């Protein structure tokens, strides 16, 4: 995702991460990068506390996963106390 000419694919605050992508395929690639990094450094991402949402269209039929666990699909996401 771009804000002006700046690519913004990951928003971080403390231990909260929001990954942003213009496609589900791109989102899956970002998740896989985080997941592989977590395996290397013994960091566990909890798929039960993670969600996937689309804005401005329908959610494609492909599953977005962390490891082999599909993420819950939601219509809005709460990040740092704010609903998107």
PDB file of N, CA and C in Angstrom:
ATOM      1  N   UNK A   1       0.851  -1.165   0.000  1.00  0.00           N
ATOM      2  CA  UNK A   1       0.000   0.000   0.000  1.00  0.00           C
ATOM      3  C   UNK A   1       0.899   1.232   0.000  1.00  0.00           C
ATOM      4  N   UNK A   2       0.511   2.230  -0.736  1.00  0.00           N
ATOM      5  CA  UNK A   2       1.297   3.456  -0.822  1.00  0.00           C
ATOM      6  C   UNK A   2       0.535   4.642  -0.232  1.00  0.00           C
ATOM      7  N   UNK A   3       1.238   5.453   0.523  1.00  0.00           N
ATOM      8  CA  UNK A   3       0.730   6.736   0.990  1.00  0.00           C
ATOM      9  C   UNK A   3       1.599   7.771   0.294  1.00  0.00           C
ATOM     10  N   UNK A   4       1.030   8.399  -0.729  1.00  0.00           N
ATOM     11  CA  UNK A   4       1.842   9.245  -1.599  1.00  0.00           C
ATOM     12  C   UNK A   4       2.825   8.352  -2.338  1.00  0.00           C
ATOM     13  N   UNK A   5       4.102   8.627  -2.239  1.00  0.00           N
ATOM     14  CA  UNK A   5       5.112   7.785  -2.874  1.00  0.00           C
ATOM     15  C   UNK A   5       5.790   6.840  -1.887  1.00  0.00           C
ATOM     16  N   UNK A   6       5.323   6.805  -0.642  1.00  0.00           N
ATOM     17  CA  UNK A   6       5.915   5.980   0.405  1.00  0.00           C
ATOM     18  C   UNK A   6       5.158   4.665   0.549  1.00  0.00           C
ATOM     19  N   UNK A   7       5.870   3.536   0.480  1.00  0.00           N
ATOM     20  CA  UNK A   7       5.238   2.229   0.681  1.00  0.00           C
ATOM     21  C   UNK A   7       5.031   1.991   2.173  1.00  0.00           C
ATOM     22  N   UNK A   8       3.812   1.674   2.555  1.00  0.00           N
ATOM     23  CA  UNK A   8       3.476   1.371   3.952  1.00  0.00           C
ATOM     24  C   UNK A   8       2.776   0.017   3.961  1.00  0.00           C
ATOM     25  N   UNK A   9       3.511  -1.025   4.330  1.00  0.00           N
ATOM     26  CA  UNK A   9       2.938  -2.361   4.356  1.00  0.00           C
ATOM     27  C   UNK A   9       2.813  -2.911   5.759  1.00  0.00           C
ATOM     28  N   UNK A  10       3.415  -2.216   6.729  1.00  0.00           N
ATOM     29  CA  UNK A  10       3.411  -2.726   8.095  1.00  0.00           C
ATOM     30  C   UNK A  10       3.372  -1.536   9.057  1.00  0.00           C
ATOM     31  N   UNK A  11       2.359  -1.521   9.912  1.00  0.00           N
ATOM     32  CA  UNK A  11       2.229  -0.487  10.936  1.00  0.00           C
ATOM     33  C   UNK A  11       2.439  -1.176  12.282  1.00  0.00           C
ATOM     34  N   UNK A  12       3.348  -0.653  13.086  1.00  0.00           N
ATOM     35  CA  UNK A  12       3.712  -1.287  14.355  1.00  0.00           C
ATOM     36  C   UNK A  12       3.511  -0.333  15.518  1.00  0.00           C
ATOM     37  N   UNK A  13       3.063  -0.907  16.638  1.00  0.00           N
ATOM     38  CA  UNK A  13       3.044  -0.186  17.907  1.00  0.00           C
ATOM     39  C   UNK A  13       3.194  -1.233  19.001  1.00  0.00           C
ATOM     40  N   UNK A  14       4.296  -1.175  19.745  1.00  0.00           N
ATOM     41  CA  UNK A  14       4.615  -2.161  20.785  1.00  0.00           C
ATOM     42  C   UNK A  14       4.572  -3.558  20.175  1.00  0.00           C
ATOM     43  N   UNK A  15       3.676  -4.429  20.661  1.00  0.00           N
ATOM     44  CA  UNK A  15       3.608  -5.792  20.115  1.00  0.00           C
ATOM     45  C   UNK A  15       2.419  -5.978  19.169  1.00  0.00           C
ATOM     46  N   UNK A  16       1.823  -4.904  18.701  1.00  0.00           N
ATOM     47  CA  UNK A  16       0.715  -4.969  17.743  1.00  0.00           C
ATOM     48  C   UNK A  16       1.227  -4.652  16.341  1.00  0.00           C
ATOM     49  N   UNK A  17       0.844  -5.496  15.395  1.00  0.00           N
ATOM     50  CA  UNK A  17       1.264  -5.333  14.006  1.00  0.00           C
ATOM     51  C   UNK A  17       0.031  -5.302  13.121  1.00  0.00           C
ATOM     52  N   UNK A  18      -0.021  -4.351  12.210  1.00  0.00           N
ATOM     53  CA  UNK A  18      -1.055  -4.321  11.181  1.00  0.00           C
ATOM     54  C   UNK A  18      -0.350  -4.416   9.831  1.00  0.00           C
ATOM     55  N   UNK A  19      -0.646  -5.464   9.087  1.00  0.00           N
ATOM     56  CA  UNK A  19      -0.079  -5.646   7.754  1.00  0.00           C
ATOM     57  C   UNK A  19      -1.098  -5.170   6.738  1.00  0.00           C
ATOM     58  N   UNK A  20      -0.657  -4.385   5.779  1.00  0.00           N
ATOM     59  CA  UNK A  20      -1.545  -3.803   4.774  1.00  0.00           C
ATOM     60  C   UNK A  20      -1.073  -4.203   3.385  1.00  0.00           C
ATOM     61  N   UNK A  21      -2.025  -4.605   2.553  1.00  0.00           N
ATOM     62  CA  UNK A  21      -1.686  -4.981   1.190  1.00  0.00           C
ATOM     63  C   UNK A  21      -2.864  -4.687   0.279  1.00  0.00           C
ATOM     64  N   UNK A  22      -2.565  -4.477  -0.986  1.00  0.00           N
ATOM     65  CA  UNK A  22      -3.615  -4.232  -1.982  1.00  0.00           C
ATOM     66  C   UNK A  22      -4.221  -5.530  -2.509  1.00  0.00           C
ATOM     67  N   UNK A  23      -3.683  -6.682  -2.106  1.00  0.00           N
ATOM     68  CA  UNK A  23      -4.225  -7.972  -2.555  1.00  0.00           C
ATOM     69  C   UNK A  23      -4.060  -9.013  -1.466  1.00  0.00           C
ATOM     70  N   UNK A  24      -4.894 -10.047  -1.520  1.00  0.00           N
ATOM     71  CA  UNK A  24      -4.767 -11.149  -0.552  1.00  0.00           C
ATOM     72  C   UNK A  24      -3.455 -11.898  -0.758  1.00  0.00           C
ATOM     73  N   UNK A  25      -3.035 -12.014  -2.016  1.00  0.00           N
ATOM     74  CA  UNK A  25      -1.765 -12.674  -2.312  1.00  0.00           C
ATOM     75  C   UNK A  25      -0.605 -11.899  -1.675  1.00  0.00           C
ATOM     76  N   UNK A  26      -0.620 -10.582  -1.806  1.00  0.00           N
ATOM     77  CA  UNK A  26       0.406  -9.753  -1.186  1.00  0.00           C
ATOM     78  C   UNK A  26       0.368  -9.830   0.323  1.00  0.00           C
ATOM     79  N   UNK A  27      -0.841  -9.858   0.892  1.00  0.00           N
ATOM     80  CA  UNK A  27      -0.983  -9.988   2.344  1.00  0.00           C
ATOM     81  C   UNK A  27      -0.402 -11.314   2.815  1.00  0.00           C
ATOM     82  N   UNK A  28      -0.673 -12.385   2.085  1.00  0.00           N
ATOM     83  CA  UNK A  28      -0.142 -13.696   2.457  1.00  0.00           C
ATOM     84  C   UNK A  28       1.380 -13.688   2.427  1.00  0.00           C
ATOM     85  N   UNK A  29       1.972 -13.011   1.450  1.00  0.00           N
ATOM     86  CA  UNK A  29       3.431 -12.916   1.389  1.00  0.00           C
ATOM     87  C   UNK A  29       3.989 -12.185   2.609  1.00  0.00           C
ATOM     88  N   UNK A  30       3.335 -11.090   3.028  1.00  0.00           N
ATOM     89  CA  UNK A  30       3.770 -10.353   4.220  1.00  0.00           C
ATOM     90  C   UNK A  30       3.659 -11.222   5.474  1.00  0.00           C
ATOM     91  N   UNK A  31       2.554 -11.959   5.590  1.00  0.00           N
ATOM     92  CA  UNK A  31       2.366 -12.848   6.739  1.00  0.00           C
ATOM     93  C   UNK A  31       3.435 -13.928   6.747  1.00  0.00           C
ATOM     94  N   UNK A  32       3.725 -14.503   5.587  1.00  0.00           N
ATOM     95  CA  UNK A  32       4.749 -15.551   5.505  1.00  0.00           C
ATOM     96  C   UNK A  32       6.119 -15.029   5.922  1.00  0.00           C
ATOM     97  N   UNK A  33       6.445 -13.797   5.540  1.00  0.00           N
ATOM     98  CA  UNK A  33       7.718 -13.198   5.954  1.00  0.00           C
ATOM     99  C   UNK A  33       7.776 -13.080   7.477  1.00  0.00           C
ATOM    100  N   UNK A  34       6.694 -12.593   8.088  1.00  0.00           N
ATOM    101  CA  UNK A  34       6.645 -12.474   9.554  1.00  0.00           C
ATOM    102  C   UNK A  34       6.711 -13.842  10.219  1.00  0.00           C
ATOM    103  N   UNK A  35       5.972 -14.792   9.662  1.00  0.00           N
ATOM    104  CA  UNK A  35       5.949 -16.152  10.224  1.00  0.00           C
ATOM    105  C   UNK A  35       7.347 -16.783  10.171  1.00  0.00           C
ATOM    106  N   UNK A  36       8.025 -16.684   9.037  1.00  0.00           N
ATOM    107  CA  UNK A  36       9.375 -17.242   8.905  1.00  0.00           C
ATOM    108  C   UNK A  36      10.355 -16.555   9.858  1.00  0.00           C
ATOM    109  N   UNK A  37      10.232 -15.236  10.000  1.00  0.00           N
ATOM    110  CA  UNK A  37      11.065 -14.505  10.948  1.00  0.00           C
ATOM    111  C   UNK A  37      10.796 -15.008  12.376  1.00  0.00           C
ATOM    112  N   UNK A  38       9.528 -15.215  12.693  1.00  0.00           N
ATOM    113  CA  UNK A  38       9.171 -15.727  14.011  1.00  0.00           C
ATOM    114  C   UNK A  38       9.753 -17.103  14.286  1.00  0.00           C
ATOM    115  N   UNK A  39       9.741 -17.975  13.282  1.00  0.00           N
ATOM    116  CA  UNK A  39      10.344 -19.299  13.455  1.00  0.00           C
ATOM    117  C   UNK A  39      11.834 -19.186  13.739  1.00  0.00           C
ATOM    118  N   UNK A  40      12.498 -18.281  13.033  1.00  0.00           N
ATOM    119  CA  UNK A  40      13.932 -18.101  13.200  1.00  0.00           C
ATOM    120  C   UNK A  40      14.281 -17.547  14.582  1.00  0.00           C
ATOM    121  N   UNK A  41      13.457 -16.644  15.111  1.00  0.00           N
ATOM    122  CA  UNK A  41      13.774 -15.959  16.363  1.00  0.00           C
ATOM    123  C   UNK A  41      12.867 -16.362  17.523  1.00  0.00           C
ATOM    124  N   UNK A  42      12.151 -17.475  17.378  1.00  0.00           N
ATOM    125  CA  UNK A  42      11.284 -18.017  18.429  1.00  0.00           C
ATOM    126  C   UNK A  42      10.206 -17.021  18.870  1.00  0.00           C
ATOM    127  N   UNK A  43       9.560 -16.406  17.883  1.00  0.00           N
ATOM    128  CA  UNK A  43       8.434 -15.505  18.112  1.00  0.00           C
ATOM    129  C   UNK A  43       7.192 -16.192  17.578  1.00  0.00           C
ATOM    130  N   UNK A  44       6.150 -16.259  18.379  1.00  0.00           N
ATOM    131  CA  UNK A  44       4.924 -16.937  17.955  1.00  0.00           C
ATOM    132  C   UNK A  44       3.826 -15.921  17.670  1.00  0.00           C
ATOM    133  N   UNK A  45       3.245 -16.025  16.483  1.00  0.00           N
ATOM    134  CA  UNK A  45       2.097 -15.208  16.100  1.00  0.00           C
ATOM    135  C   UNK A  45       0.850 -16.034  16.335  1.00  0.00           C
ATOM    136  N   UNK A  46      -0.121 -15.481  17.052  1.00  0.00           N
ATOM    137  CA  UNK A  46      -1.320 -16.221  17.424  1.00  0.00           C
ATOM    138  C   UNK A  46      -2.420 -16.006  16.381  1.00  0.00           C
ATOM    139  N   UNK A  47      -2.731 -17.039  15.579  1.00  0.00           N
ATOM    140  CA  UNK A  47      -3.778 -16.873  14.563  1.00  0.00           C
ATOM    141  C   UNK A  47      -5.165 -16.633  15.158  1.00  0.00           C
ATOM    142  N   UNK A  48      -5.392 -17.042  16.412  1.00  0.00           N
ATOM    143  CA  UNK A  48      -6.698 -16.822  17.044  1.00  0.00           C
ATOM    144  C   UNK A  48      -6.902 -15.361  17.435  1.00  0.00           C
ATOM    145  N   UNK A  49      -5.800 -14.611  17.555  1.00  0.00           N
ATOM    146  CA  UNK A  49      -5.889 -13.182  17.867  1.00  0.00           C
ATOM    147  C   UNK A  49      -5.700 -12.328  16.615  1.00  0.00           C
ATOM    148  N   UNK A  50      -5.628 -12.969  15.459  1.00  0.00           N
ATOM    149  CA  UNK A  50      -5.392 -12.272  14.198  1.00  0.00           C
ATOM    150  C   UNK A  50      -6.629 -12.350  13.320  1.00  0.00           C
ATOM    151  N   UNK A  51      -6.812 -11.339  12.484  1.00  0.00           N
ATOM    152  CA  UNK A  51      -7.982 -11.272  11.611  1.00  0.00           C
ATOM    153  C   UNK A  51      -7.572 -10.741  10.251  1.00  0.00           C
ATOM    154  N   UNK A  52      -8.392 -11.054   9.256  1.00  0.00           N
ATOM    155  CA  UNK A  52      -8.186 -10.526   7.908  1.00  0.00           C
ATOM    156  C   UNK A  52      -9.450  -9.795   7.480  1.00  0.00           C
ATOM    157  N   UNK A  53      -9.266  -8.646   6.845  1.00  0.00           N
ATOM    158  CA  UNK A  53     -10.405  -7.849   6.377  1.00  0.00           C
ATOM    159  C   UNK A  53     -10.073  -7.253   5.019  1.00  0.00           C
ATOM    160  N   UNK A  54     -11.104  -6.986   4.247  1.00  0.00           N
ATOM    161  CA  UNK A  54     -10.932  -6.248   2.995  1.00  0.00           C
ATOM    162  C   UNK A  54     -11.748  -4.969   3.099  1.00  0.00           C
ATOM    163  N   UNK A  55     -11.273  -3.959   2.415  1.00  0.00           N
ATOM    164  CA  UNK A  55     -11.965  -2.680   2.400  1.00  0.00           C
ATOM    165  C   UNK A  55     -12.236  -2.311   0.944  1.00  0.00           C
ATOM    166  N   UNK A  56     -13.474  -1.971   0.651  1.00  0.00           N
ATOM    167  CA  UNK A  56     -13.817  -1.537  -0.691  1.00  0.00           C
ATOM    168  C   UNK A  56     -14.143  -2.651  -1.656  1.00  0.00           C
ATOM    169  N   UNK A  57     -14.417  -3.823  -1.166  1.00  0.00           N
ATOM    170  CA  UNK A  57     -14.764  -4.931  -2.055  1.00  0.00           C
ATOM    171  C   UNK A  57     -15.069  -6.182  -1.266  1.00  0.00           C
ATOM    172  N   UNK A  58     -15.357  -7.248  -1.982  1.00  0.00           N
ATOM    173  CA  UNK A  58     -15.657  -8.515  -1.315  1.00  0.00           C
ATOM    174  C   UNK A  58     -14.360  -9.248  -1.013  1.00  0.00           C
ATOM    175  N   UNK A  59     -14.415 -10.129  -0.036  1.00  0.00           N
ATOM    176  CA  UNK A  59     -13.247 -10.924   0.332  1.00  0.00           C
ATOM    177  C   UNK A  59     -13.128 -12.072  -0.653  1.00  0.00           C
ATOM    178  N   UNK A  60     -12.005 -12.195  -1.351  1.00  0.00           N
ATOM    179  CA  UNK A  60     -11.838 -13.297  -2.304  1.00  0.00           C
ATOM    180  C   UNK A  60     -11.928 -14.650  -1.603  1.00  0.00           C
ATOM    181  N   UNK A  61     -12.215 -15.707  -2.343  1.00  0.00           N
ATOM    182  CA  UNK A  61     -12.415 -17.028  -1.729  1.00  0.00           C
ATOM    183  C   UNK A  61     -11.140 -17.705  -1.237  1.00  0.00           C
ATOM    184  N   UNK A  62      -9.970 -17.094  -1.410  1.00  0.00           N
ATOM    185  CA  UNK A  62      -8.742 -17.738  -0.930  1.00  0.00           C
ATOM    186  C   UNK A  62      -8.569 -17.476   0.565  1.00  0.00           C
ATOM    187  N   UNK A  63      -8.005 -18.451   1.268  1.00  0.00           N
ATOM    188  CA  UNK A  63      -7.785 -18.318   2.713  1.00  0.00           C
ATOM    189  C   UNK A  63      -6.453 -17.618   2.961  1.00  0.00           C
ATOM    190  N   UNK A  64      -6.425 -16.732   3.936  1.00  0.00           N
ATOM    191  CA  UNK A  64      -5.197 -16.099   4.398  1.00  0.00           C
ATOM    192  C   UNK A  64      -4.816 -16.820   5.685  1.00  0.00           C
ATOM    193  N   UNK A  65      -3.580 -17.321   5.762  1.00  0.00           N
ATOM    194  CA  UNK A  65      -3.188 -18.182   6.875  1.00  0.00           C
ATOM    195  C   UNK A  65      -1.928 -17.693   7.574  1.00  0.00           C
ATOM    196  N   UNK A  66      -1.822 -18.079   8.834  1.00  0.00           N
ATOM    197  CA  UNK A  66      -0.563 -17.985   9.571  1.00  0.00           C
ATOM    198  C   UNK A  66      -0.139 -19.426   9.793  1.00  0.00           C
ATOM    199  N   UNK A  67       0.987 -19.808   9.205  1.00  0.00           N
ATOM    200  CA  UNK A  67       1.356 -21.223   9.215  1.00  0.00           C
ATOM    201  C   UNK A  67       0.324 -21.982   8.405  1.00  0.00           C
ATOM    202  N   UNK A  68      -0.360 -22.906   9.051  1.00  0.00           N
ATOM    203  CA  UNK A  68      -1.413 -23.659   8.359  1.00  0.00           C
ATOM    204  C   UNK A  68      -2.798 -23.369   8.935  1.00  0.00           C
ATOM    205  N   UNK A  69      -2.936 -22.287   9.702  1.00  0.00           N
ATOM    206  CA  UNK A  69      -4.207 -21.929  10.332  1.00  0.00           C
ATOM    207  C   UNK A  69      -4.811 -20.720   9.611  1.00  0.00           C
ATOM    208  N   UNK A  70      -6.035 -20.885   9.102  1.00  0.00           N
ATOM    209  CA  UNK A  70      -6.714 -19.801   8.389  1.00  0.00           C
ATOM    210  C   UNK A  70      -7.139 -18.706   9.366  1.00  0.00           C
ATOM    211  N   UNK A  71      -6.987 -17.461   8.938  1.00  0.00           N
ATOM    212  CA  UNK A  71      -7.398 -16.323   9.767  1.00  0.00           C
ATOM    213  C   UNK A  71      -8.897 -16.096   9.647  1.00  0.00           C
ATOM    214  N   UNK A  72      -9.487 -15.618  10.745  1.00  0.00           N
ATOM    215  CA  UNK A  72     -10.898 -15.245  10.742  1.00  0.00           C
ATOM    216  C   UNK A  72     -11.089 -14.057   9.815  1.00  0.00           C
ATOM    217  N   UNK A  73     -12.137 -14.103   9.014  1.00  0.00           N
ATOM    218  CA  UNK A  73     -12.481 -12.985   8.136  1.00  0.00           C
ATOM    219  C   UNK A  73     -13.496 -12.105   8.845  1.00  0.00           C
ATOM    220  N   UNK A  74     -13.243 -10.813   8.848  1.00  0.00           N
ATOM    221  CA  UNK A  74     -14.116  -9.881   9.550  1.00  0.00           C
ATOM    222  C   UNK A  74     -14.441  -8.690   8.651  1.00  0.00           C
ATOM    223  N   UNK A  75     -15.500  -7.962   9.009  1.00  0.00           N
ATOM    224  CA  UNK A  75     -15.892  -6.768   8.261  1.00  0.00           C
ATOM    225  C   UNK A  75     -15.197  -5.512   8.762  1.00  0.00           C
ATOM    226  N   UNK A  76     -14.716  -5.543  10.003  1.00  0.00           N
ATOM    227  CA  UNK A  76     -13.973  -4.413  10.556  1.00  0.00           C
ATOM    228  C   UNK A  76     -12.934  -4.957  11.525  1.00  0.00           C
ATOM    229  N   UNK A  77     -11.878  -4.195  11.689  1.00  0.00           N
ATOM    230  CA  UNK A  77     -10.749  -4.617  12.504  1.00  0.00           C
ATOM    231  C   UNK A  77     -10.527  -3.584  13.595  1.00  0.00           C
ATOM    232  N   UNK A  78     -10.299  -4.050  14.816  1.00  0.00           N
ATOM    233  CA  UNK A  78      -9.963  -3.149  15.911  1.00  0.00           C
ATOM    234  C   UNK A  78      -8.444  -3.166  16.075  1.00  0.00           C
ATOM    235  N   UNK A  79      -7.825  -1.993  15.906  1.00  0.00           N
ATOM    236  CA  UNK A  79      -6.378  -1.865  16.048  1.00  0.00           C
ATOM    237  C   UNK A  79      -6.085  -0.683  16.970  1.00  0.00           C
ATOM    238  N   UNK A  80      -5.423  -0.974  18.063  1.00  0.00           N
ATOM    239  CA  UNK A  80      -5.092   0.047  19.075  1.00  0.00           C
ATOM    240  C   UNK A  80      -6.321   0.791  19.560  1.00  0.00           C
ATOM    241  N   UNK A  81      -7.431   0.064  19.714  1.00  0.00           N
ATOM    242  CA  UNK A  81      -8.659   0.645  20.241  1.00  0.00           C
ATOM    243  C   UNK A  81      -9.531   1.340  19.217  1.00  0.00           C
ATOM    244  N   UNK A  82      -9.097   1.395  17.965  1.00  0.00           N
ATOM    245  CA  UNK A  82      -9.861   2.053  16.905  1.00  0.00           C
ATOM    246  C   UNK A  82     -10.376   1.029  15.908  1.00  0.00           C
ATOM    247  N   UNK A  83     -11.617   1.166  15.493  1.00  0.00           N
ATOM    248  CA  UNK A  83     -12.169   0.262  14.486  1.00  0.00           C
ATOM    249  C   UNK A  83     -11.911   0.818  13.098  1.00  0.00           C
ATOM    250  N   UNK A  84     -11.444  -0.034  12.228  1.00  0.00           N
ATOM    251  CA  UNK A  84     -11.198   0.334  10.838  1.00  0.00           C
ATOM    252  C   UNK A  84     -12.253  -0.327   9.963  1.00  0.00           C
TER     253      UNK A  84
END
